[in-house]
Amino acid sequence: MGSEIETEVIHSWSAPRSLSTSLMYSFAQRDDTEVLDEPLYAHHLKVTGVDRPYREDLLSQMESDGNKVVNNIIYGPGEKKYRYCKVHYYILKFCNTMFFFFFFNIFTHFYLMFNA
């Protein structure tokens, strides 16, 4: 493993069918960028109790504690200059208000919306 550096996190907030996955794959092609695809999805499944066929498998493989995900995965140390983090808008309902005040005032964000 290489040395850890301070990583700048780029958040992509998106709606379904907004081509966010295509954009994420584009960022993944950069040598200076790592990508996180829905790092808070297990937290969403745990908090909402929503039933999905893959639910138990996913919960056994991903961290479902939202605070741990944010502190250790999204904002944890990294080996690349940038960390692209794709998150869908629904997660906004399940996170602490103070977290978002801090989150939205300090970090880089952009939004992908779909309007049919």
C-alpha atoms as a PDB file:
ATOM      1  CA  MET A   1       0.000   0.000   0.000  1.00  0.00           C
ATOM      2  CA  GLY A   2       1.268   3.501  -0.839  1.00  0.00           C
ATOM      3  CA  SER A   3       1.451   6.497   1.428  1.00  0.00           C
ATOM      4  CA  GLU A   4      -1.735   8.202   2.584  1.00  0.00           C
ATOM      5  CA  ILE A   5      -2.423  11.764   1.467  1.00  0.00           C
ATOM      6  CA  GLU A   6      -5.120  14.340   2.155  1.00  0.00           C
ATOM      7  CA  THR A   7      -7.869  13.529  -0.311  1.00  0.00           C
ATOM      8  CA  GLU A   8     -10.315  16.055  -1.728  1.00  0.00           C
ATOM      9  CA  VAL A   9     -13.817  14.588  -1.832  1.00  0.00           C
ATOM     10  CA  ILE A  10     -16.075  15.444  -4.757  1.00  0.00           C
ATOM     11  CA  HIS A  11     -19.739  14.646  -4.079  1.00  0.00           C
ATOM     12  CA  SER A  12     -22.119  13.853  -6.900  1.00  0.00           C
ATOM     13  CA  TRP A  13     -25.728  14.063  -5.705  1.00  0.00           C
ATOM     14  CA  SER A  14     -28.039  12.541  -8.247  1.00  0.00           C
ATOM     15  CA  ALA A  15     -31.524  11.422  -9.068  1.00  0.00           C
ATOM     16  CA  PRO A  16     -32.295   8.088 -10.723  1.00  0.00           C
ATOM     17  CA  ARG A  17     -31.704   7.930 -14.476  1.00  0.00           C
ATOM     18  CA  SER A  18     -29.410  10.973 -14.446  1.00  0.00           C
ATOM     19  CA  LEU A  19     -26.391   9.190 -16.007  1.00  0.00           C
ATOM     20  CA  SER A  20     -24.552   9.417 -12.679  1.00  0.00           C
ATOM     21  CA  THR A  21     -23.064   5.935 -13.039  1.00  0.00           C
ATOM     22  CA  SER A  22     -21.602   6.824 -16.442  1.00  0.00           C
ATOM     23  CA  LEU A  23     -20.046   9.931 -14.961  1.00  0.00           C
ATOM     24  CA  MET A  24     -18.684   7.900 -12.036  1.00  0.00           C
ATOM     25  CA  TYR A  25     -17.021   5.463 -14.475  1.00  0.00           C
ATOM     26  CA  SER A  26     -15.453   8.440 -16.262  1.00  0.00           C
ATOM     27  CA  PHE A  27     -13.920   9.649 -13.008  1.00  0.00           C
ATOM     28  CA  ALA A  28     -12.701   6.109 -12.303  1.00  0.00           C
ATOM     29  CA  GLN A  29     -10.500   6.320 -15.414  1.00  0.00           C
ATOM     30  CA  ARG A  30      -8.400   9.078 -13.852  1.00  0.00           C
ATOM     31  CA  ASP A  31      -5.168   7.982 -12.207  1.00  0.00           C
ATOM     32  CA  ASP A  32      -5.552  10.583  -9.438  1.00  0.00           C
ATOM     33  CA  THR A  33      -9.131   9.652  -8.479  1.00  0.00           C
ATOM     34  CA  GLU A  34     -10.799   6.828  -6.555  1.00  0.00           C
ATOM     35  CA  VAL A  35     -14.577   6.395  -6.699  1.00  0.00           C
ATOM     36  CA  LEU A  36     -17.166   5.366  -4.137  1.00  0.00           C
ATOM     37  CA  ASP A  37     -20.461   4.121  -5.532  1.00  0.00           C
ATOM     38  CA  GLU A  38     -23.278   4.658  -3.029  1.00  0.00           C
ATOM     39  CA  PRO A  39     -21.208   4.323   0.164  1.00  0.00           C
ATOM     40  CA  LEU A  40     -24.268   5.138   2.306  1.00  0.00           C
ATOM     41  CA  TYR A  41     -26.580   2.615   0.651  1.00  0.00           C
ATOM     42  CA  ALA A  42     -26.216  -0.009   3.412  1.00  0.00           C
ATOM     43  CA  HIS A  43     -27.049   2.690   5.956  1.00  0.00           C
ATOM     44  CA  HIS A  44     -30.158   3.534   3.923  1.00  0.00           C
ATOM     45  CA  LEU A  45     -31.255  -0.130   3.871  1.00  0.00           C
ATOM     46  CA  LYS A  46     -30.653  -0.501   7.601  1.00  0.00           C
ATOM     47  CA  VAL A  47     -32.445   2.697   8.637  1.00  0.00           C
ATOM     48  CA  THR A  48     -35.447   2.373   6.341  1.00  0.00           C
ATOM     49  CA  GLY A  49     -35.883  -1.392   6.567  1.00  0.00           C
ATOM     50  CA  VAL A  50     -36.689  -1.372   2.853  1.00  0.00           C
ATOM     51  CA  ASP A  51     -36.880  -4.878   1.412  1.00  0.00           C
ATOM     52  CA  ARG A  52     -34.579  -5.750  -1.476  1.00  0.00           C
ATOM     53  CA  PRO A  53     -33.684  -9.257  -2.715  1.00  0.00           C
ATOM     54  CA  TYR A  54     -29.982  -8.550  -2.086  1.00  0.00           C
ATOM     55  CA  ARG A  55     -30.505  -6.767   1.262  1.00  0.00           C
ATOM     56  CA  GLU A  56     -28.881  -9.274   3.649  1.00  0.00           C
ATOM     57  CA  ASP A  57     -25.978  -9.952   1.308  1.00  0.00           C
ATOM     58  CA  LEU A  58     -25.280  -6.236   0.916  1.00  0.00           C
ATOM     59  CA  LEU A  59     -25.585  -5.547   4.657  1.00  0.00           C
ATOM     60  CA  SER A  60     -23.057  -8.316   5.345  1.00  0.00           C
ATOM     61  CA  GLN A  61     -20.545  -6.779   2.914  1.00  0.00           C
ATOM     62  CA  MET A  62     -20.898  -3.019   3.478  1.00  0.00           C
ATOM     63  CA  GLU A  63     -20.609  -0.864   6.592  1.00  0.00           C
ATOM     64  CA  SER A  64     -24.132   0.190   7.596  1.00  0.00           C
ATOM     65  CA  ASP A  65     -23.256   2.681  10.346  1.00  0.00           C
ATOM     66  CA  GLY A  66     -23.646   6.032   8.588  1.00  0.00           C
ATOM     67  CA  ASN A  67     -21.251   7.848  10.932  1.00  0.00           C
ATOM     68  CA  LYS A  68     -18.517   5.268  10.346  1.00  0.00           C
ATOM     69  CA  VAL A  69     -19.032   5.462   6.593  1.00  0.00           C
ATOM     70  CA  VAL A  70     -18.731   9.242   6.591  1.00  0.00           C
ATOM     71  CA  ASN A  71     -15.751   9.437   8.960  1.00  0.00           C
ATOM     72  CA  ASN A  72     -13.746   6.374   7.911  1.00  0.00           C
ATOM     73  CA  ILE A  73     -14.648   5.773   4.278  1.00  0.00           C
ATOM     74  CA  ILE A  74     -15.811   9.015   2.667  1.00  0.00           C
ATOM     75  CA  TYR A  75     -13.473  11.310   4.635  1.00  0.00           C
ATOM     76  CA  GLY A  76     -10.899   8.729   5.692  1.00  0.00           C
ATOM     77  CA  PRO A  77      -7.312   8.851   4.480  1.00  0.00           C
ATOM     78  CA  GLY A  78      -6.616   7.891   0.901  1.00  0.00           C
ATOM     79  CA  GLU A  79      -3.868   7.192  -1.577  1.00  0.00           C
ATOM     80  CA  LYS A  80      -5.175   9.414  -4.374  1.00  0.00           C
ATOM     81  CA  LYS A  81      -5.673  13.164  -4.621  1.00  0.00           C
ATOM     82  CA  TYR A  82      -9.425  12.972  -5.292  1.00  0.00           C
ATOM     83  CA  ARG A  83     -12.297  10.774  -4.096  1.00  0.00           C
ATOM     84  CA  TYR A  84     -15.440  10.878  -6.234  1.00  0.00           C
ATOM     85  CA  CYS A  85     -18.468   9.924  -4.158  1.00  0.00           C
ATOM     86  CA  LYS A  86     -21.758   9.138  -5.918  1.00  0.00           C
ATOM     87  CA  VAL A  87     -24.787   9.495  -3.650  1.00  0.00           C
ATOM     88  CA  HIS A  88     -28.485   9.495  -4.560  1.00  0.00           C
ATOM     89  CA  TYR A  89     -30.720  12.235  -3.196  1.00  0.00           C
ATOM     90  CA  TYR A  90     -32.852   9.871  -1.055  1.00  0.00           C
ATOM     91  CA  ILE A  91     -30.073   9.616   1.536  1.00  0.00           C
ATOM     92  CA  LEU A  92     -30.733  13.219   2.587  1.00  0.00           C
ATOM     93  CA  LYS A  93     -33.762  12.079   4.606  1.00  0.00           C
ATOM     94  CA  PHE A  94     -31.702   9.807   6.837  1.00  0.00           C
ATOM     95  CA  CYS A  95     -28.805  11.957   7.976  1.00  0.00           C
ATOM     96  CA  ASN A  96     -28.294  14.326  10.870  1.00  0.00           C
ATOM     97  CA  THR A  97     -29.014  18.043  10.197  1.00  0.00           C
ATOM     98  CA  MET A  98     -25.775  19.292  11.803  1.00  0.00           C
ATOM     99  CA  PHE A  99     -23.804  16.846   9.684  1.00  0.00           C
ATOM    100  CA  PHE A 100     -25.292  18.370   6.545  1.00  0.00           C
ATOM    101  CA  PHE A 101     -24.681  21.934   7.690  1.00  0.00           C
ATOM    102  CA  PHE A 102     -20.998  21.050   8.038  1.00  0.00           C
ATOM    103  CA  PHE A 103     -21.012  18.834   4.963  1.00  0.00           C
ATOM    104  CA  PHE A 104     -22.542  21.331   2.521  1.00  0.00           C
ATOM    105  CA  ASN A 105     -20.573  24.340   3.667  1.00  0.00           C
ATOM    106  CA  ILE A 106     -17.083  22.890   3.380  1.00  0.00           C
ATOM    107  CA  PHE A 107     -16.868  20.337   0.599  1.00  0.00           C
ATOM    108  CA  THR A 108     -17.205  20.239  -3.191  1.00  0.00           C
ATOM    109  CA  HIS A 109     -20.606  19.149  -4.528  1.00  0.00           C
ATOM    110  CA  PHE A 110     -22.461  18.948  -7.791  1.00  0.00           C
ATOM    111  CA  TYR A 111     -25.953  17.770  -8.620  1.00  0.00           C
ATOM    112  CA  LEU A 112     -27.249  15.639 -11.493  1.00  0.00           C
ATOM    113  CA  MET A 113     -30.988  15.828 -12.114  1.00  0.00           C
ATOM    114  CA  PHE A 114     -33.239  14.222 -14.663  1.00  0.00           C
ATOM    115  CA  ASN A 115     -36.319  15.902 -16.025  1.00  0.00           C
ATOM    116  CA  ALA A 116     -38.376  13.888 -18.505  1.00  0.00           C
END
